[in-house]
Protein backbone atom coordinates (compact mmCIF):
# COMPACT_ATOMS: atom_id res chain seq x y z
CA MET A 1 -6.73 75.80 -7.40
CA SER A 2 -9.87 74.57 -5.71
CA LEU A 3 -9.83 72.92 -2.85
CA ARG A 4 -11.92 70.16 -2.49
CA PRO A 5 -15.25 70.15 -0.03
CA LEU A 6 -14.68 68.48 3.42
CA PRO A 7 -16.18 65.25 3.84
CA ASP A 8 -19.17 64.79 6.12
CA LEU A 9 -17.71 64.11 9.26
CA THR A 10 -20.57 62.80 11.12
CA ASN A 11 -21.70 60.26 8.46
CA SER A 12 -20.10 57.12 9.66
CA GLU A 13 -20.18 55.49 6.62
CA VAL A 14 -18.96 57.89 4.56
CA MET A 15 -15.88 58.06 6.85
CA ALA A 16 -15.22 54.22 6.88
CA LYS A 17 -15.74 53.93 3.58
CA LEU A 18 -13.12 57.00 3.15
CA GLY A 19 -10.88 55.09 5.70
CA ARG A 20 -11.29 51.79 3.98
CA ALA A 21 -10.33 52.95 0.75
CA SER A 22 -8.14 54.79 1.98
CA ALA A 23 -6.06 51.60 3.35
CA LEU A 24 -6.37 50.30 0.48
CA ARG A 25 -4.68 52.62 -1.04
CA ASN A 26 -1.01 53.05 0.98
CA ALA A 27 -1.05 49.16 0.91
CA ARG A 28 -1.35 49.10 -2.86
CA LEU A 29 1.19 51.52 -3.13
CA ASP A 30 3.55 49.82 -0.24
CA ALA A 31 3.78 46.82 -2.33
CA ILE A 32 4.31 48.61 -5.75
CA HIS A 33 7.15 51.17 -4.32
CA ALA A 34 8.99 47.55 -2.61
CA MET A 35 8.11 45.37 -5.92
CA ARG A 36 10.08 49.02 -7.71
CA ASP A 37 12.89 48.66 -4.89
CA ALA A 38 13.81 44.94 -6.15
CA VAL A 39 13.47 45.40 -9.73
CA VAL A 40 15.94 48.13 -9.44
CA ARG A 41 18.21 46.15 -7.04
CA LEU A 42 18.13 43.81 -10.24
CA GLN A 43 18.51 46.55 -12.74
CA ASN A 44 21.60 48.00 -10.63
CA ALA A 45 22.96 44.17 -10.07
CA ALA A 46 23.07 44.80 -6.39
CA SER A 47 21.05 41.88 -5.73
CA PHE A 48 20.33 38.53 -7.07
CA ASP A 49 17.32 37.75 -8.85
CA SER A 50 17.02 34.43 -6.14
CA VAL A 51 16.86 37.53 -3.27
CA GLU A 52 14.56 39.66 -5.07
CA LEU A 53 12.35 37.05 -6.33
CA PRO A 54 10.02 36.25 -4.33
CA ILE A 55 10.01 39.80 -2.91
CA ILE A 56 8.77 40.92 -6.38
CA LYS A 57 6.36 37.61 -6.01
CA ASP A 58 4.65 38.46 -3.45
CA CYS A 59 4.59 42.51 -4.09
CA ILE A 60 2.53 40.78 -6.90
CA GLU A 61 -0.15 38.80 -4.76
CA ARG A 62 -0.37 40.83 -2.68
CA ILE A 63 -1.33 43.63 -5.15
CA GLU A 64 -4.16 40.95 -6.60
CA LYS A 65 -5.11 40.74 -3.07
CA LEU A 66 -5.93 44.25 -2.47
CA ASN A 67 -7.94 44.03 -6.23
CA GLU A 68 -9.99 41.32 -4.77
CA LEU A 69 -10.45 43.61 -1.67
CA SER A 70 -11.70 46.52 -2.99
CA SER A 71 -13.54 44.47 -5.92
CA LYS A 72 -15.68 43.44 -3.03
CA GLN A 73 -15.83 46.83 -1.06
CA SER A 74 -17.35 48.22 -4.61
CA ASP A 75 -19.57 45.66 -5.47
CA SER A 76 -20.64 45.87 -1.18
CA GLN A 77 -21.06 49.48 -1.44
CA ASN A 78 -22.85 49.24 -5.34
CA GLN A 79 -25.44 47.57 -3.18
CA LEU A 80 -25.72 49.64 -0.08
CA ASP A 81 -26.23 53.12 -2.65
CA GLN A 82 -28.99 50.74 -4.24
CA SER A 83 -30.96 49.98 -1.26
CA ILE A 84 -30.50 53.74 0.16
CA SER A 85 -31.53 54.98 -3.55
CA GLN A 86 -34.37 52.39 -3.52
CA ARG A 87 -35.28 53.32 0.17
CA ASP A 88 -35.68 57.21 -0.94
CA ASP A 89 -37.77 56.28 -3.94
C-alpha cells in the first residue's frame, strides 16, 4: 500500500480548497448519519413518523444545500484553474 503524497502546505489556495472540501464532506456525512439514525428508529418502531419525518426532511434539505455549495465550489475552482492555465500560456 502506498501513501498519497502530502499536499503542499505552503500553498494557501490548495489548503483552502482542501479545507472547504473537507468541511462539505463532513457536513454531508453528518446529515447522512442523522438520516440513517432516523430511518433505523422508524424501522425498529422505536419512534413515530411525526418525530422522524421532519428530521429526515431536514437531512434531505441539508444534503441538497451541500450539493449546491459543492457545485458552486467546483465551478469556482474550474474558473480559477482556467485562469491560471491561461496565465501560464
